[in-house]
Amino acid sequence: TEDSFYSYRISHDSYSLWRHQGASSLPLENWRYSGAINPQGLNQIAAIISGDMLTLYINDQLASETFTLDLEQISGRVGLAVGFEKKEGAATFEFDNFEIRM
């Protein structure tokens, strides 16, 4: 449905995968530490869907594979979002070379 989606999230040292449906959110891959994340620099992330499997990469390193996808939800819009949790300070977020391949 239009109010259902997946989100692949990355922080300064960990990542997670969530399924959102209406007002509920379910972690498919709860927050996990990843040494592949560059906390002070650029990070390249990728999510590749093949059949019923979703594979997540961080800086060309395998982060996770999951087989729990609802293929009916793998269609529609794609978006990018940024969150900043610090009450003070500043941050820069840049997106470059955003690709969707089908």
C-alpha atoms as a PDB file:
ATOM      1  CA  THR A   1       0.000   0.000   0.000  1.00  0.00           C
ATOM      2  CA  GLU A   2       1.001   3.621  -0.379  1.00  0.00           C
ATOM      3  CA  ASP A   3       1.732   4.020   3.346  1.00  0.00           C
ATOM      4  CA  SER A   4       4.045   0.971   3.455  1.00  0.00           C
ATOM      5  CA  PHE A   5       7.769   1.161   2.816  1.00  0.00           C
ATOM      6  CA  TYR A   6      11.215  -0.084   3.826  1.00  0.00           C
ATOM      7  CA  SER A   7      13.983   2.108   5.240  1.00  0.00           C
ATOM      8  CA  TYR A   8      17.712   1.378   5.275  1.00  0.00           C
ATOM      9  CA  ARG A   9      19.281   3.553   7.965  1.00  0.00           C
ATOM     10  CA  ILE A  10      22.909   4.366   8.689  1.00  0.00           C
ATOM     11  CA  SER A  11      24.433   6.203  11.656  1.00  0.00           C
ATOM     12  CA  HIS A  12      28.018   7.081  12.580  1.00  0.00           C
ATOM     13  CA  ASP A  13      28.791   3.447  13.439  1.00  0.00           C
ATOM     14  CA  SER A  14      25.768   1.223  12.766  1.00  0.00           C
ATOM     15  CA  TYR A  15      22.948   0.421  10.338  1.00  0.00           C
ATOM     16  CA  SER A  16      19.430  -1.007  10.407  1.00  0.00           C
ATOM     17  CA  LEU A  17      16.636  -2.118   8.077  1.00  0.00           C
ATOM     18  CA  TRP A  18      12.975  -1.414   8.870  1.00  0.00           C
ATOM     19  CA  ARG A  19       9.588  -2.216   7.408  1.00  0.00           C
ATOM     20  CA  HIS A  20       6.970   0.478   7.952  1.00  0.00           C
ATOM     21  CA  GLN A  21       3.269  -0.146   7.478  1.00  0.00           C
ATOM     22  CA  GLY A  22       0.848   2.574   8.449  1.00  0.00           C
ATOM     23  CA  ALA A  23       1.723   3.736  11.967  1.00  0.00           C
ATOM     24  CA  SER A  24       3.768   0.626  12.865  1.00  0.00           C
ATOM     25  CA  SER A  25       7.470   0.003  12.275  1.00  0.00           C
ATOM     26  CA  LEU A  26       9.164  -3.394  12.492  1.00  0.00           C
ATOM     27  CA  PRO A  27      12.963  -3.829  12.534  1.00  0.00           C
ATOM     28  CA  LEU A  28      13.979  -6.495  10.031  1.00  0.00           C
ATOM     29  CA  GLU A  29      17.611  -5.885  10.956  1.00  0.00           C
ATOM     30  CA  ASN A  30      17.927  -4.018  14.255  1.00  0.00           C
ATOM     31  CA  TRP A  31      20.801  -1.571  14.761  1.00  0.00           C
ATOM     32  CA  ARG A  32      24.109  -3.367  14.215  1.00  0.00           C
ATOM     33  CA  TYR A  33      27.643  -2.062  14.475  1.00  0.00           C
ATOM     34  CA  SER A  34      29.600  -1.933  11.201  1.00  0.00           C
ATOM     35  CA  GLY A  35      33.321  -1.214  10.968  1.00  0.00           C
ATOM     36  CA  ALA A  36      32.739  -0.422   7.282  1.00  0.00           C
ATOM     37  CA  ILE A  37      31.118   2.927   8.159  1.00  0.00           C
ATOM     38  CA  ASN A  38      33.363   5.979   7.919  1.00  0.00           C
ATOM     39  CA  PRO A  39      32.081   8.199  10.775  1.00  0.00           C
ATOM     40  CA  GLN A  40      34.016  11.284   9.685  1.00  0.00           C
ATOM     41  CA  GLY A  41      33.762  11.050   5.913  1.00  0.00           C
ATOM     42  CA  LEU A  42      31.879   9.829   2.894  1.00  0.00           C
ATOM     43  CA  ASN A  43      29.934   6.587   2.891  1.00  0.00           C
ATOM     44  CA  GLN A  44      28.570   4.676  -0.066  1.00  0.00           C
ATOM     45  CA  ILE A  45      25.488   2.576   0.645  1.00  0.00           C
ATOM     46  CA  ALA A  46      23.672   0.156  -1.624  1.00  0.00           C
ATOM     47  CA  ALA A  47      20.521  -1.934  -1.378  1.00  0.00           C
ATOM     48  CA  ILE A  48      20.193  -4.627  -4.048  1.00  0.00           C
ATOM     49  CA  ILE A  49      17.002  -6.614  -4.544  1.00  0.00           C
ATOM     50  CA  SER A  50      17.217  -9.969  -6.309  1.00  0.00           C
ATOM     51  CA  GLY A  51      14.207 -12.257  -6.166  1.00  0.00           C
ATOM     52  CA  ASP A  52      12.969 -12.197  -2.574  1.00  0.00           C
ATOM     53  CA  MET A  53      16.376 -11.258  -1.131  1.00  0.00           C
ATOM     54  CA  LEU A  54      17.590  -7.792  -0.141  1.00  0.00           C
ATOM     55  CA  THR A  55      21.345  -7.343   0.211  1.00  0.00           C
ATOM     56  CA  LEU A  56      22.760  -4.282   1.959  1.00  0.00           C
ATOM     57  CA  TYR A  57      26.258  -2.901   1.389  1.00  0.00           C
ATOM     58  CA  ILE A  58      28.260  -0.176   3.111  1.00  0.00           C
ATOM     59  CA  ASN A  59      31.369   1.094   1.309  1.00  0.00           C
ATOM     60  CA  ASP A  60      31.393  -1.999  -0.929  1.00  0.00           C
ATOM     61  CA  GLN A  61      31.358  -4.369   2.069  1.00  0.00           C
ATOM     62  CA  LEU A  62      28.464  -6.773   2.645  1.00  0.00           C
ATOM     63  CA  ALA A  63      26.436  -5.611   5.648  1.00  0.00           C
ATOM     64  CA  SER A  64      23.376  -7.877   5.569  1.00  0.00           C
ATOM     65  CA  GLU A  65      21.171 -10.203   3.559  1.00  0.00           C
ATOM     66  CA  THR A  66      17.509 -10.801   4.341  1.00  0.00           C
ATOM     67  CA  PHE A  67      14.862 -13.026   2.749  1.00  0.00           C
ATOM     68  CA  THR A  68      11.826 -11.556   4.493  1.00  0.00           C
ATOM     69  CA  LEU A  69      10.658  -9.185   1.770  1.00  0.00           C
ATOM     70  CA  ASP A  70       7.086  -8.739   0.679  1.00  0.00           C
ATOM     71  CA  LEU A  71       7.566  -8.393  -3.082  1.00  0.00           C
ATOM     72  CA  GLU A  72       4.276  -6.557  -3.478  1.00  0.00           C
ATOM     73  CA  GLN A  73       5.900  -3.656  -1.620  1.00  0.00           C
ATOM     74  CA  ILE A  74       8.943  -3.414  -3.873  1.00  0.00           C
ATOM     75  CA  SER A  75       7.466  -0.861  -6.212  1.00  0.00           C
ATOM     76  CA  GLY A  76       6.591   2.793  -6.198  1.00  0.00           C
ATOM     77  CA  ARG A  77       8.636   5.733  -4.992  1.00  0.00           C
ATOM     78  CA  VAL A  78      12.187   5.981  -3.681  1.00  0.00           C
ATOM     79  CA  GLY A  79      13.417   8.686  -1.329  1.00  0.00           C
ATOM     80  CA  LEU A  80      16.333   9.909   0.744  1.00  0.00           C
ATOM     81  CA  ALA A  81      16.057  11.273   4.273  1.00  0.00           C
ATOM     82  CA  VAL A  82      18.464  12.773   6.796  1.00  0.00           C
ATOM     83  CA  GLY A  83      18.135  12.957  10.573  1.00  0.00           C
ATOM     84  CA  PHE A  84      20.354  14.837  13.000  1.00  0.00           C
ATOM     85  CA  GLU A  85      20.088  13.961  16.702  1.00  0.00           C
ATOM     86  CA  LYS A  86      22.522  16.427  18.290  1.00  0.00           C
ATOM     87  CA  LYS A  87      21.003  19.497  19.905  1.00  0.00           C
ATOM     88  CA  GLU A  88      24.093  21.590  19.205  1.00  0.00           C
ATOM     89  CA  GLY A  89      26.663  21.623  16.461  1.00  0.00           C
ATOM     90  CA  ALA A  90      26.485  21.377  12.717  1.00  0.00           C
ATOM     91  CA  ALA A  91      26.628  18.695  10.064  1.00  0.00           C
ATOM     92  CA  THR A  92      26.835  18.493   6.306  1.00  0.00           C
ATOM     93  CA  PHE A  93      24.881  15.929   4.311  1.00  0.00           C
ATOM     94  CA  GLU A  94      25.440  15.476   0.598  1.00  0.00           C
ATOM     95  CA  PHE A  95      23.950  13.010  -1.861  1.00  0.00           C
ATOM     96  CA  ASP A  96      25.767  12.221  -5.089  1.00  0.00           C
ATOM     97  CA  ASN A  97      25.331   9.635  -7.837  1.00  0.00           C
ATOM     98  CA  PHE A  98      21.927   8.413  -6.697  1.00  0.00           C
ATOM     99  CA  GLU A  99      21.016   5.490  -8.979  1.00  0.00           C
ATOM    100  CA  ILE A 100      18.073   3.206  -9.488  1.00  0.00           C
ATOM    101  CA  ARG A 101      18.691   0.260 -11.798  1.00  0.00           C
ATOM    102  CA  MET A 102      15.950  -2.031 -13.007  1.00  0.00           C
END
